[in-house]
């Protein structure tokens, strides 16, 4: 990253920190990832604004503030492995890759996944493992996970994902509840999840299957 780009991303990280209470490690992660690489060419001038932006296929790259909140809510200090459902542009996975040893991310729309994996290669983020698939099935190959993050809104948490989460592990998801979405933290105790609602939000919905 050249000096000017590094300065832009540092300023973005500082602006995020003014909006949401995040720890220094997360601020450092945002400063180290070039957000400009994750937005479409027509939106490069908006890359450093605190806005969600369209990325094609009726999908969005979340606001940097939302990405920061979801990251903070995961309580990553003692986490080693994270599974993300809904890779999208790859920006959330890139941020996570700076905070944990391994990130596994699943995207159901194959063209978006190809673009995201190319960004990971460009940035040298070798601790991200990505695949096309229905994220509701999880990714048993790398399980169990310390944390699971939904970057799209599910109506419920599939049993397959609960099974792939360690005891005491955390799921963060923007759960669909009627006409509202609520970011919810769920902690695994035995074979059940203890849920705590956090705040209202707006994400694209989880959709079944794979789109090629």
N, C-alpha and C. Protein backbone atom coordinates (compact mmCIF):
# COMPACT_ATOMS: atom_id res chain seq x y z
N UNK A 1 0.86 -1.19 0.00
CA UNK A 1 0.00 0.00 0.00
C UNK A 1 0.89 1.24 0.00
N UNK A 2 0.66 2.16 -0.94
CA UNK A 2 1.47 3.37 -0.99
C UNK A 2 1.09 4.30 0.17
N UNK A 3 1.91 5.33 0.37
CA UNK A 3 1.75 6.19 1.54
C UNK A 3 0.39 6.89 1.55
N UNK A 4 -0.05 7.41 0.39
CA UNK A 4 -1.33 8.11 0.32
C UNK A 4 -2.49 7.18 0.66
N UNK A 5 -2.46 5.97 0.09
CA UNK A 5 -3.53 5.01 0.35
C UNK A 5 -3.52 4.59 1.81
N UNK A 6 -2.34 4.40 2.36
CA UNK A 6 -2.23 4.04 3.78
C UNK A 6 -2.82 5.12 4.66
N UNK A 7 -2.57 6.38 4.31
CA UNK A 7 -3.11 7.50 5.08
C UNK A 7 -4.64 7.52 5.00
N UNK A 8 -5.20 7.25 3.81
CA UNK A 8 -6.66 7.22 3.64
C UNK A 8 -7.29 6.13 4.50
N UNK A 9 -6.66 4.96 4.52
CA UNK A 9 -7.23 3.85 5.29
C UNK A 9 -7.06 4.07 6.79
N UNK A 10 -5.98 4.72 7.19
CA UNK A 10 -5.82 5.07 8.60
C UNK A 10 -6.89 6.07 9.02
N UNK A 11 -7.15 7.06 8.19
CA UNK A 11 -8.19 8.05 8.50
C UNK A 11 -9.56 7.37 8.57
N UNK A 12 -9.81 6.41 7.67
CA UNK A 12 -11.06 5.67 7.71
C UNK A 12 -11.20 4.94 9.05
N UNK A 13 -10.13 4.27 9.47
CA UNK A 13 -10.14 3.56 10.75
C UNK A 13 -10.42 4.52 11.90
N UNK A 14 -9.84 5.69 11.84
CA UNK A 14 -10.05 6.69 12.90
C UNK A 14 -11.48 7.21 12.90
N UNK A 15 -12.06 7.38 11.71
CA UNK A 15 -13.45 7.83 11.61
C UNK A 15 -14.40 6.77 12.15
N UNK A 16 -14.11 5.51 11.87
CA UNK A 16 -14.92 4.41 12.40
C UNK A 16 -14.88 4.43 13.92
N UNK A 17 -13.69 4.62 14.47
CA UNK A 17 -13.51 4.61 15.93
C UNK A 17 -14.27 5.74 16.61
N UNK A 18 -14.55 6.81 15.86
CA UNK A 18 -15.36 7.90 16.42
C UNK A 18 -16.83 7.51 16.52
N UNK A 19 -17.24 6.56 15.67
CA UNK A 19 -18.65 6.18 15.58
C UNK A 19 -18.99 4.99 16.48
N UNK A 20 -18.01 4.12 16.71
CA UNK A 20 -18.28 2.89 17.45
C UNK A 20 -17.08 2.55 18.33
N UNK A 21 -17.34 2.00 19.50
CA UNK A 21 -16.29 1.67 20.46
C UNK A 21 -15.64 0.35 20.06
N UNK A 22 -14.50 0.42 19.41
CA UNK A 22 -13.77 -0.78 18.99
C UNK A 22 -12.37 -0.75 19.58
N UNK A 23 -11.78 -1.94 19.77
CA UNK A 23 -10.46 -1.98 20.39
C UNK A 23 -9.36 -1.66 19.38
N UNK A 24 -8.17 -1.45 19.89
CA UNK A 24 -7.05 -0.99 19.06
C UNK A 24 -6.68 -1.99 17.97
N UNK A 25 -6.83 -3.28 18.26
CA UNK A 25 -6.50 -4.30 17.25
C UNK A 25 -7.42 -4.17 16.04
N UNK A 26 -8.68 -3.89 16.27
CA UNK A 26 -9.62 -3.75 15.16
C UNK A 26 -9.33 -2.47 14.37
N UNK A 27 -9.02 -1.40 15.07
CA UNK A 27 -8.61 -0.17 14.38
C UNK A 27 -7.41 -0.45 13.48
N UNK A 28 -6.44 -1.20 14.00
CA UNK A 28 -5.27 -1.55 13.20
C UNK A 28 -5.61 -2.40 11.99
N UNK A 29 -6.58 -3.31 12.15
CA UNK A 29 -6.99 -4.15 11.03
C UNK A 29 -7.58 -3.30 9.91
N UNK A 30 -8.45 -2.35 10.25
CA UNK A 30 -9.03 -1.47 9.24
C UNK A 30 -7.96 -0.62 8.56
N UNK A 31 -7.00 -0.16 9.32
CA UNK A 31 -5.93 0.66 8.74
C UNK A 31 -5.06 -0.14 7.77
N UNK A 32 -4.98 -1.46 7.97
CA UNK A 32 -4.07 -2.28 7.17
C UNK A 32 -4.70 -2.87 5.91
N UNK A 33 -6.03 -2.74 5.77
CA UNK A 33 -6.72 -3.30 4.60
C UNK A 33 -7.20 -2.16 3.71
N UNK A 34 -6.82 -2.21 2.45
CA UNK A 34 -7.18 -1.17 1.49
C UNK A 34 -8.63 -1.34 1.03
N UNK A 35 -9.53 -0.56 1.61
CA UNK A 35 -10.95 -0.70 1.28
C UNK A 35 -11.22 -0.43 -0.20
N UNK A 36 -10.41 0.40 -0.81
CA UNK A 36 -10.63 0.75 -2.21
C UNK A 36 -10.64 -0.47 -3.12
N UNK A 37 -9.91 -1.52 -2.75
CA UNK A 37 -9.86 -2.73 -3.57
C UNK A 37 -11.18 -3.49 -3.56
N UNK A 38 -12.05 -3.22 -2.59
CA UNK A 38 -13.26 -4.01 -2.39
C UNK A 38 -14.52 -3.36 -2.95
N UNK A 39 -14.40 -2.17 -3.50
CA UNK A 39 -15.58 -1.50 -4.06
C UNK A 39 -15.47 -1.46 -5.58
N UNK A 40 -16.60 -1.47 -6.30
CA UNK A 40 -16.57 -1.41 -7.76
C UNK A 40 -15.91 -0.13 -8.26
N UNK A 41 -15.37 -0.20 -9.47
CA UNK A 41 -14.62 0.94 -10.02
C UNK A 41 -15.42 2.25 -9.99
N UNK A 42 -16.71 2.17 -10.26
CA UNK A 42 -17.51 3.38 -10.30
C UNK A 42 -17.73 4.04 -8.95
N UNK A 43 -17.30 3.34 -7.89
CA UNK A 43 -17.52 3.87 -6.54
C UNK A 43 -16.21 4.13 -5.79
N UNK A 44 -15.10 4.17 -6.51
CA UNK A 44 -13.81 4.37 -5.85
C UNK A 44 -13.76 5.66 -5.04
N UNK A 45 -14.45 6.70 -5.54
CA UNK A 45 -14.44 7.98 -4.81
C UNK A 45 -15.25 7.91 -3.52
N UNK A 46 -16.02 6.83 -3.34
CA UNK A 46 -16.80 6.67 -2.11
C UNK A 46 -16.23 5.61 -1.17
N UNK A 47 -15.06 5.06 -1.53
CA UNK A 47 -14.50 3.94 -0.79
C UNK A 47 -14.25 4.27 0.68
N UNK A 48 -13.94 5.52 0.97
CA UNK A 48 -13.55 5.90 2.33
C UNK A 48 -14.66 6.62 3.09
N UNK A 49 -15.86 6.59 2.53
CA UNK A 49 -17.02 7.11 3.24
C UNK A 49 -17.63 6.01 4.10
N UNK A 50 -18.37 6.39 5.11
CA UNK A 50 -18.95 5.41 6.02
C UNK A 50 -20.30 4.94 5.52
N UNK A 51 -20.32 4.51 4.25
CA UNK A 51 -21.57 4.12 3.60
C UNK A 51 -21.48 2.69 3.09
N UNK A 52 -22.65 2.01 3.03
CA UNK A 52 -22.74 0.75 2.31
C UNK A 52 -22.77 1.07 0.81
N UNK A 53 -22.21 0.17 -0.01
CA UNK A 53 -22.13 0.41 -1.45
C UNK A 53 -22.54 -0.86 -2.21
N UNK A 54 -23.21 -0.71 -3.36
CA UNK A 54 -23.58 -1.89 -4.15
C UNK A 54 -22.34 -2.52 -4.79
N UNK A 55 -22.34 -3.86 -4.88
CA UNK A 55 -21.20 -4.56 -5.48
C UNK A 55 -21.62 -5.48 -6.62
N UNK A 56 -22.89 -5.40 -7.03
CA UNK A 56 -23.40 -6.25 -8.09
C UNK A 56 -24.16 -7.43 -7.53
N UNK A 57 -24.90 -8.12 -8.42
CA UNK A 57 -25.69 -9.30 -8.05
C UNK A 57 -26.66 -9.00 -6.92
N UNK A 58 -27.12 -7.73 -6.86
CA UNK A 58 -28.06 -7.27 -5.82
C UNK A 58 -27.49 -7.43 -4.41
N UNK A 59 -26.17 -7.34 -4.30
CA UNK A 59 -25.48 -7.45 -3.02
C UNK A 59 -24.78 -6.13 -2.69
N UNK A 60 -24.36 -6.00 -1.42
CA UNK A 60 -23.75 -4.76 -0.95
C UNK A 60 -22.51 -5.06 -0.13
N UNK A 61 -21.56 -4.14 -0.17
CA UNK A 61 -20.49 -4.13 0.81
C UNK A 61 -20.99 -3.27 1.96
N UNK A 62 -20.98 -3.84 3.16
CA UNK A 62 -21.54 -3.15 4.32
C UNK A 62 -20.76 -1.87 4.62
N UNK A 63 -21.43 -0.97 5.29
CA UNK A 63 -20.75 0.21 5.82
C UNK A 63 -19.56 -0.22 6.67
N UNK A 64 -18.45 0.51 6.62
CA UNK A 64 -17.31 0.17 7.49
C UNK A 64 -17.69 0.16 8.97
N UNK A 65 -18.65 0.99 9.35
CA UNK A 65 -19.10 1.01 10.75
C UNK A 65 -19.78 -0.31 11.09
N UNK A 66 -20.60 -0.82 10.19
CA UNK A 66 -21.27 -2.10 10.42
C UNK A 66 -20.25 -3.23 10.51
N UNK A 67 -19.28 -3.23 9.62
CA UNK A 67 -18.23 -4.25 9.66
C UNK A 67 -17.49 -4.19 11.00
N UNK A 68 -17.21 -2.99 11.46
CA UNK A 68 -16.51 -2.82 12.74
C UNK A 68 -17.35 -3.34 13.89
N UNK A 69 -18.64 -3.02 13.89
CA UNK A 69 -19.52 -3.49 14.96
C UNK A 69 -19.58 -5.01 14.99
N UNK A 70 -19.79 -5.63 13.82
CA UNK A 70 -19.90 -7.09 13.77
C UNK A 70 -18.61 -7.74 14.26
N UNK A 71 -17.49 -7.13 13.90
CA UNK A 71 -16.19 -7.64 14.34
C UNK A 71 -16.04 -7.52 15.85
N UNK A 72 -16.39 -6.38 16.40
CA UNK A 72 -16.29 -6.16 17.84
C UNK A 72 -17.20 -7.12 18.61
N UNK A 73 -18.39 -7.34 18.09
CA UNK A 73 -19.36 -8.21 18.78
C UNK A 73 -18.90 -9.66 18.86
N UNK A 74 -17.97 -10.05 18.00
CA UNK A 74 -17.48 -11.44 18.01
C UNK A 74 -16.58 -11.76 19.21
N UNK A 75 -16.09 -10.75 19.90
CA UNK A 75 -15.16 -10.98 21.03
C UNK A 75 -14.00 -11.89 20.58
N UNK A 76 -13.17 -11.39 19.70
CA UNK A 76 -12.15 -12.22 19.05
C UNK A 76 -10.88 -12.41 19.86
N UNK A 77 -10.77 -11.78 21.00
CA UNK A 77 -9.50 -11.79 21.74
C UNK A 77 -8.94 -13.20 21.91
N UNK A 78 -9.77 -14.18 22.23
CA UNK A 78 -9.28 -15.54 22.44
C UNK A 78 -9.72 -16.50 21.35
N UNK A 79 -10.14 -15.97 20.21
CA UNK A 79 -10.61 -16.81 19.10
C UNK A 79 -9.46 -17.14 18.16
N UNK A 80 -9.54 -18.32 17.57
CA UNK A 80 -8.50 -18.79 16.65
C UNK A 80 -9.03 -18.97 15.23
N UNK A 81 -10.30 -19.39 15.11
CA UNK A 81 -10.87 -19.75 13.82
C UNK A 81 -12.29 -19.20 13.70
N UNK A 82 -12.58 -18.53 12.57
CA UNK A 82 -13.88 -17.93 12.34
C UNK A 82 -14.44 -18.43 11.01
N UNK A 83 -15.74 -18.75 11.01
CA UNK A 83 -16.47 -19.07 9.79
C UNK A 83 -17.41 -17.92 9.48
N UNK A 84 -17.33 -17.41 8.25
CA UNK A 84 -18.24 -16.35 7.81
C UNK A 84 -19.21 -16.90 6.79
N UNK A 85 -20.48 -16.59 6.97
CA UNK A 85 -21.52 -16.96 6.02
C UNK A 85 -21.88 -15.73 5.20
N UNK A 86 -21.48 -15.72 3.93
CA UNK A 86 -21.75 -14.58 3.08
C UNK A 86 -20.52 -13.73 2.85
N UNK A 87 -19.63 -14.20 1.98
CA UNK A 87 -18.35 -13.51 1.75
C UNK A 87 -18.54 -12.16 1.09
N UNK A 88 -19.46 -12.07 0.11
CA UNK A 88 -19.67 -10.81 -0.60
C UNK A 88 -18.41 -10.30 -1.25
N UNK A 89 -18.05 -9.08 -0.98
CA UNK A 89 -16.84 -8.47 -1.55
C UNK A 89 -15.57 -9.06 -0.96
N UNK A 90 -15.68 -9.64 0.24
CA UNK A 90 -14.51 -10.16 0.95
C UNK A 90 -13.95 -9.22 1.99
N UNK A 91 -14.54 -8.03 2.13
CA UNK A 91 -13.97 -7.02 3.03
C UNK A 91 -14.03 -7.47 4.50
N UNK A 92 -15.18 -8.02 4.92
CA UNK A 92 -15.28 -8.49 6.30
C UNK A 92 -14.26 -9.60 6.58
N UNK A 93 -14.12 -10.53 5.66
CA UNK A 93 -13.15 -11.62 5.84
C UNK A 93 -11.73 -11.08 5.92
N UNK A 94 -11.44 -10.07 5.11
CA UNK A 94 -10.10 -9.48 5.12
C UNK A 94 -9.80 -8.85 6.48
N UNK A 95 -10.77 -8.12 7.03
CA UNK A 95 -10.58 -7.53 8.36
C UNK A 95 -10.36 -8.63 9.39
N UNK A 96 -11.17 -9.67 9.35
CA UNK A 96 -11.03 -10.78 10.31
C UNK A 96 -9.68 -11.46 10.20
N UNK A 97 -9.15 -11.53 8.98
CA UNK A 97 -7.87 -12.23 8.76
C UNK A 97 -6.71 -11.59 9.51
N UNK A 98 -6.87 -10.33 9.87
CA UNK A 98 -5.83 -9.62 10.62
C UNK A 98 -5.95 -9.84 12.12
N UNK A 99 -7.03 -10.55 12.53
CA UNK A 99 -7.33 -10.67 13.96
C UNK A 99 -7.33 -12.11 14.47
N UNK A 100 -7.44 -13.08 13.57
CA UNK A 100 -7.45 -14.49 13.97
C UNK A 100 -6.54 -15.29 13.04
N UNK A 101 -6.23 -16.51 13.46
CA UNK A 101 -5.30 -17.34 12.68
C UNK A 101 -5.90 -17.79 11.36
N UNK A 102 -7.19 -18.15 11.36
CA UNK A 102 -7.80 -18.68 10.15
C UNK A 102 -9.23 -18.18 9.99
N UNK A 103 -9.55 -17.76 8.76
CA UNK A 103 -10.91 -17.35 8.41
C UNK A 103 -11.39 -18.24 7.28
N UNK A 104 -12.55 -18.84 7.47
CA UNK A 104 -13.20 -19.60 6.41
C UNK A 104 -14.45 -18.82 6.01
N UNK A 105 -14.64 -18.62 4.72
CA UNK A 105 -15.77 -17.82 4.27
C UNK A 105 -16.46 -18.50 3.09
N UNK A 106 -17.78 -18.45 3.10
CA UNK A 106 -18.60 -19.13 2.09
C UNK A 106 -19.46 -18.09 1.38
N UNK A 107 -19.50 -18.19 0.04
CA UNK A 107 -20.33 -17.28 -0.76
C UNK A 107 -21.14 -18.12 -1.75
N UNK A 108 -22.44 -17.84 -1.84
CA UNK A 108 -23.32 -18.61 -2.73
C UNK A 108 -23.31 -18.11 -4.17
N UNK A 109 -22.82 -16.87 -4.40
CA UNK A 109 -22.80 -16.29 -5.75
C UNK A 109 -21.37 -16.40 -6.29
N UNK A 110 -21.16 -17.32 -7.21
CA UNK A 110 -19.80 -17.65 -7.64
C UNK A 110 -19.02 -16.48 -8.23
N UNK A 111 -19.60 -15.61 -9.07
CA UNK A 111 -18.81 -14.48 -9.58
C UNK A 111 -18.28 -13.58 -8.47
N UNK A 112 -19.08 -13.35 -7.43
CA UNK A 112 -18.60 -12.55 -6.30
C UNK A 112 -17.46 -13.24 -5.58
N UNK A 113 -17.56 -14.56 -5.44
CA UNK A 113 -16.49 -15.30 -4.77
C UNK A 113 -15.18 -15.20 -5.55
N UNK A 114 -15.25 -15.32 -6.88
CA UNK A 114 -14.03 -15.22 -7.69
C UNK A 114 -13.37 -13.86 -7.51
N UNK A 115 -14.17 -12.81 -7.50
CA UNK A 115 -13.62 -11.46 -7.30
C UNK A 115 -12.99 -11.33 -5.92
N UNK A 116 -13.67 -11.87 -4.91
CA UNK A 116 -13.15 -11.78 -3.54
C UNK A 116 -11.83 -12.53 -3.38
N UNK A 117 -11.76 -13.73 -3.93
CA UNK A 117 -10.53 -14.52 -3.78
C UNK A 117 -9.36 -13.86 -4.51
N UNK A 118 -9.65 -13.17 -5.61
CA UNK A 118 -8.58 -12.44 -6.30
C UNK A 118 -8.07 -11.29 -5.43
N UNK A 119 -8.96 -10.65 -4.72
CA UNK A 119 -8.54 -9.59 -3.79
C UNK A 119 -7.68 -10.16 -2.67
N UNK A 120 -8.07 -11.31 -2.15
CA UNK A 120 -7.27 -11.94 -1.09
C UNK A 120 -5.85 -12.23 -1.59
N UNK A 121 -5.76 -12.73 -2.83
CA UNK A 121 -4.44 -13.02 -3.40
C UNK A 121 -3.62 -11.75 -3.56
N UNK A 122 -4.27 -10.70 -4.07
CA UNK A 122 -3.58 -9.42 -4.27
C UNK A 122 -3.00 -8.89 -2.96
N UNK A 123 -3.74 -9.07 -1.89
CA UNK A 123 -3.34 -8.56 -0.58
C UNK A 123 -2.46 -9.54 0.19
N UNK A 124 -2.26 -10.73 -0.35
CA UNK A 124 -1.43 -11.72 0.34
C UNK A 124 -2.06 -12.24 1.62
N UNK A 125 -3.38 -12.36 1.63
CA UNK A 125 -4.09 -12.83 2.82
C UNK A 125 -4.23 -14.35 2.74
N UNK A 126 -3.18 -15.04 3.10
CA UNK A 126 -3.12 -16.49 2.89
C UNK A 126 -3.82 -17.30 3.97
N UNK A 127 -4.35 -16.64 4.98
CA UNK A 127 -5.06 -17.36 6.04
C UNK A 127 -6.58 -17.32 5.86
N UNK A 128 -7.02 -16.92 4.65
CA UNK A 128 -8.45 -16.96 4.32
C UNK A 128 -8.71 -18.13 3.39
N UNK A 129 -9.65 -18.98 3.75
CA UNK A 129 -10.07 -20.10 2.93
C UNK A 129 -11.50 -19.82 2.48
N UNK A 130 -11.73 -19.81 1.17
CA UNK A 130 -13.03 -19.41 0.64
C UNK A 130 -13.56 -20.47 -0.32
N UNK A 131 -14.88 -20.64 -0.30
CA UNK A 131 -15.49 -21.58 -1.25
C UNK A 131 -16.90 -21.13 -1.61
N UNK A 132 -17.36 -21.62 -2.77
CA UNK A 132 -18.74 -21.41 -3.18
C UNK A 132 -19.60 -22.48 -2.53
N UNK A 133 -20.74 -22.07 -2.01
CA UNK A 133 -21.62 -23.04 -1.39
C UNK A 133 -22.77 -22.37 -0.67
N UNK A 134 -23.65 -23.18 -0.16
CA UNK A 134 -24.75 -22.70 0.67
C UNK A 134 -24.23 -22.62 2.10
N UNK A 135 -24.05 -21.42 2.59
CA UNK A 135 -23.44 -21.22 3.90
C UNK A 135 -24.21 -21.83 5.04
N UNK A 136 -25.50 -22.09 4.82
CA UNK A 136 -26.31 -22.68 5.88
C UNK A 136 -25.87 -24.11 6.22
N UNK A 137 -25.08 -24.70 5.33
CA UNK A 137 -24.55 -26.04 5.58
C UNK A 137 -23.22 -26.00 6.32
N UNK A 138 -22.64 -24.80 6.43
CA UNK A 138 -21.34 -24.68 7.07
C UNK A 138 -20.22 -25.25 6.22
N UNK A 139 -19.09 -25.51 6.88
CA UNK A 139 -17.92 -26.06 6.19
C UNK A 139 -17.23 -27.00 7.17
N UNK A 140 -17.65 -28.25 7.12
CA UNK A 140 -17.21 -29.22 8.13
C UNK A 140 -15.71 -29.51 8.07
N UNK A 141 -15.11 -29.28 6.92
CA UNK A 141 -13.68 -29.59 6.75
C UNK A 141 -12.81 -28.90 7.79
N UNK A 142 -13.12 -27.66 8.11
CA UNK A 142 -12.29 -26.88 9.03
C UNK A 142 -12.90 -26.72 10.43
N UNK A 143 -14.04 -27.35 10.63
CA UNK A 143 -14.70 -27.27 11.95
C UNK A 143 -13.91 -28.04 13.01
N UNK A 144 -14.09 -27.70 14.29
CA UNK A 144 -15.04 -26.72 14.81
C UNK A 144 -14.48 -25.30 14.78
N UNK A 145 -15.38 -24.34 14.83
CA UNK A 145 -15.03 -22.92 14.80
C UNK A 145 -15.26 -22.28 16.16
N UNK A 146 -14.42 -21.32 16.49
CA UNK A 146 -14.60 -20.55 17.72
C UNK A 146 -15.71 -19.52 17.57
N UNK A 147 -15.85 -19.00 16.35
CA UNK A 147 -16.85 -17.98 16.07
C UNK A 147 -17.46 -18.25 14.69
N UNK A 148 -18.74 -17.91 14.57
CA UNK A 148 -19.43 -17.94 13.28
C UNK A 148 -20.11 -16.59 13.09
N UNK A 149 -19.90 -15.98 11.93
CA UNK A 149 -20.46 -14.67 11.63
C UNK A 149 -21.34 -14.76 10.39
N UNK A 150 -22.56 -14.31 10.50
CA UNK A 150 -23.44 -14.17 9.35
C UNK A 150 -23.31 -12.77 8.80
N UNK A 151 -22.95 -12.65 7.52
CA UNK A 151 -22.93 -11.35 6.86
C UNK A 151 -24.16 -11.18 5.98
N UNK A 152 -25.18 -11.99 6.24
CA UNK A 152 -26.50 -11.88 5.64
C UNK A 152 -27.49 -12.32 6.71
N UNK A 153 -28.75 -11.97 6.51
CA UNK A 153 -29.75 -12.18 7.57
C UNK A 153 -30.46 -13.52 7.44
N UNK A 154 -30.26 -14.44 8.41
CA UNK A 154 -30.99 -15.71 8.40
C UNK A 154 -32.29 -15.61 9.21
N UNK A 155 -33.22 -16.50 8.92
CA UNK A 155 -34.45 -16.56 9.71
C UNK A 155 -34.24 -17.42 10.96
N UNK A 156 -33.21 -18.27 10.92
CA UNK A 156 -32.89 -19.15 12.05
C UNK A 156 -31.45 -19.62 11.88
N UNK A 157 -30.91 -20.27 12.89
CA UNK A 157 -29.55 -20.81 12.82
C UNK A 157 -29.65 -22.31 12.57
N UNK A 158 -29.18 -22.79 11.42
CA UNK A 158 -29.27 -24.22 11.11
C UNK A 158 -28.48 -25.07 12.11
N UNK A 159 -28.98 -26.26 12.37
CA UNK A 159 -28.31 -27.17 13.30
C UNK A 159 -26.90 -27.50 12.85
N UNK A 160 -26.68 -27.58 11.54
CA UNK A 160 -25.34 -27.89 11.02
C UNK A 160 -24.30 -26.90 11.53
N UNK A 161 -24.68 -25.63 11.64
CA UNK A 161 -23.74 -24.62 12.11
C UNK A 161 -23.54 -24.70 13.62
N UNK A 162 -24.60 -25.00 14.33
CA UNK A 162 -24.46 -25.19 15.78
C UNK A 162 -23.49 -26.34 16.06
N UNK A 163 -23.62 -27.41 15.27
CA UNK A 163 -22.75 -28.58 15.43
C UNK A 163 -21.29 -28.25 15.14
N UNK A 164 -21.05 -27.26 14.27
CA UNK A 164 -19.68 -26.91 13.88
C UNK A 164 -19.06 -25.83 14.76
N UNK A 165 -19.78 -25.42 15.80
CA UNK A 165 -19.29 -24.40 16.73
C UNK A 165 -18.79 -25.06 18.00
N UNK A 166 -17.66 -24.58 18.52
CA UNK A 166 -17.13 -25.14 19.76
C UNK A 166 -18.06 -24.81 20.93
N UNK A 167 -17.99 -25.60 21.97
CA UNK A 167 -18.71 -25.30 23.20
C UNK A 167 -18.23 -23.94 23.73
N UNK A 168 -19.17 -23.08 24.04
CA UNK A 168 -18.82 -21.73 24.48
C UNK A 168 -18.54 -20.77 23.33
N UNK A 169 -18.62 -21.28 22.10
CA UNK A 169 -18.39 -20.43 20.93
C UNK A 169 -19.53 -19.46 20.70
N UNK A 170 -19.26 -18.46 19.86
CA UNK A 170 -20.21 -17.36 19.64
C UNK A 170 -20.62 -17.30 18.18
N UNK A 171 -21.92 -17.12 17.96
CA UNK A 171 -22.46 -16.79 16.64
C UNK A 171 -22.99 -15.36 16.71
N UNK A 172 -22.60 -14.55 15.72
CA UNK A 172 -23.19 -13.22 15.55
C UNK A 172 -23.97 -13.24 14.24
N UNK A 173 -25.26 -12.89 14.32
CA UNK A 173 -26.09 -12.92 13.12
C UNK A 173 -27.14 -11.82 13.17
N UNK A 174 -27.43 -11.20 12.01
CA UNK A 174 -28.54 -10.26 11.93
C UNK A 174 -29.83 -11.05 11.72
N UNK A 175 -30.41 -11.56 12.79
CA UNK A 175 -31.55 -12.46 12.69
C UNK A 175 -32.80 -11.74 12.18
N UNK A 176 -33.48 -12.38 11.24
CA UNK A 176 -34.76 -11.88 10.76
C UNK A 176 -35.83 -12.22 11.77
N UNK A 177 -36.51 -11.21 12.28
CA UNK A 177 -37.57 -11.41 13.27
C UNK A 177 -38.79 -10.61 12.82
N UNK A 178 -39.73 -11.30 12.16
CA UNK A 178 -40.86 -10.60 11.57
C UNK A 178 -40.37 -9.68 10.48
N UNK A 179 -40.74 -8.41 10.57
CA UNK A 179 -40.31 -7.43 9.58
C UNK A 179 -39.01 -6.73 9.95
N UNK A 180 -38.42 -7.14 11.06
CA UNK A 180 -37.20 -6.49 11.54
C UNK A 180 -36.02 -7.45 11.49
N UNK A 181 -34.83 -6.86 11.51
CA UNK A 181 -33.59 -7.63 11.65
C UNK A 181 -32.89 -7.13 12.91
N UNK A 182 -32.44 -8.07 13.72
CA UNK A 182 -31.77 -7.73 14.97
C UNK A 182 -30.42 -8.44 15.03
N UNK A 183 -29.34 -7.66 15.14
CA UNK A 183 -28.04 -8.29 15.37
C UNK A 183 -28.10 -8.98 16.73
N UNK A 184 -27.79 -10.27 16.72
CA UNK A 184 -27.96 -11.10 17.91
C UNK A 184 -26.68 -11.88 18.19
N UNK A 185 -26.27 -11.89 19.46
CA UNK A 185 -25.14 -12.72 19.88
C UNK A 185 -25.68 -14.00 20.49
N UNK A 186 -25.19 -15.15 20.02
CA UNK A 186 -25.63 -16.44 20.51
C UNK A 186 -24.42 -17.23 21.00
N UNK A 187 -24.49 -17.73 22.22
CA UNK A 187 -23.40 -18.50 22.82
C UNK A 187 -23.86 -19.95 22.96
N UNK A 188 -23.02 -20.87 22.52
CA UNK A 188 -23.37 -22.29 22.57
C UNK A 188 -23.16 -22.85 23.96
N UNK A 189 -24.23 -23.38 24.50
CA UNK A 189 -24.18 -24.08 25.79
C UNK A 189 -24.84 -25.43 25.60
N UNK A 190 -24.03 -26.49 25.65
CA UNK A 190 -24.55 -27.81 25.31
C UNK A 190 -24.90 -27.82 23.84
N UNK A 191 -26.11 -28.21 23.51
CA UNK A 191 -26.54 -28.23 22.12
C UNK A 191 -27.55 -27.13 21.82
N UNK A 192 -27.51 -26.06 22.62
CA UNK A 192 -28.45 -24.98 22.39
C UNK A 192 -27.72 -23.65 22.41
N UNK A 193 -28.41 -22.63 21.93
CA UNK A 193 -27.83 -21.30 21.85
C UNK A 193 -28.55 -20.36 22.82
N UNK A 194 -27.76 -19.64 23.61
CA UNK A 194 -28.28 -18.62 24.51
C UNK A 194 -28.15 -17.28 23.79
N UNK A 195 -29.29 -16.66 23.50
CA UNK A 195 -29.31 -15.48 22.63
C UNK A 195 -29.44 -14.17 23.39
N UNK A 196 -28.72 -13.15 22.89
CA UNK A 196 -28.82 -11.80 23.41
C UNK A 196 -28.97 -10.83 22.25
N UNK A 197 -30.11 -10.15 22.13
CA UNK A 197 -30.26 -9.16 21.06
C UNK A 197 -29.38 -7.94 21.32
N UNK A 198 -28.85 -7.37 20.26
CA UNK A 198 -27.94 -6.23 20.41
C UNK A 198 -28.52 -4.96 19.81
N UNK A 199 -28.83 -4.98 18.52
CA UNK A 199 -29.36 -3.77 17.90
C UNK A 199 -30.03 -4.09 16.57
N UNK A 200 -30.90 -3.20 16.14
CA UNK A 200 -31.56 -3.34 14.83
C UNK A 200 -30.54 -3.09 13.72
N UNK A 201 -30.82 -3.67 12.55
CA UNK A 201 -29.87 -3.57 11.45
C UNK A 201 -30.60 -3.80 10.13
N UNK A 202 -29.85 -3.78 9.04
CA UNK A 202 -30.42 -4.08 7.72
C UNK A 202 -29.37 -4.75 6.87
N UNK A 203 -29.58 -6.04 6.58
CA UNK A 203 -28.70 -6.84 5.74
C UNK A 203 -29.52 -7.49 4.62
N UNK A 204 -28.83 -7.94 3.57
CA UNK A 204 -29.52 -8.77 2.57
C UNK A 204 -29.87 -10.10 3.23
N UNK A 205 -30.92 -10.78 2.77
CA UNK A 205 -31.31 -12.04 3.41
C UNK A 205 -30.43 -13.20 3.00
N UNK A 206 -30.36 -14.21 3.85
CA UNK A 206 -29.75 -15.49 3.48
C UNK A 206 -30.66 -16.16 2.45
N UNK A 207 -30.05 -16.70 1.40
CA UNK A 207 -30.81 -17.37 0.32
C UNK A 207 -30.27 -18.78 0.16
N UNK A 208 -31.14 -19.73 -0.12
CA UNK A 208 -30.73 -21.12 -0.31
C UNK A 208 -29.97 -21.31 -1.63
N UNK A 209 -29.11 -22.34 -1.65
CA UNK A 209 -28.49 -22.78 -2.89
C UNK A 209 -27.30 -21.94 -3.35
N UNK A 210 -26.80 -22.28 -4.55
CA UNK A 210 -25.63 -21.62 -5.13
C UNK A 210 -26.02 -21.02 -6.47
N UNK A 211 -25.52 -19.82 -6.74
CA UNK A 211 -25.81 -19.12 -8.00
C UNK A 211 -24.55 -19.03 -8.84
N UNK A 212 -24.65 -19.60 -10.02
CA UNK A 212 -23.50 -19.58 -10.91
C UNK A 212 -23.70 -18.58 -12.05
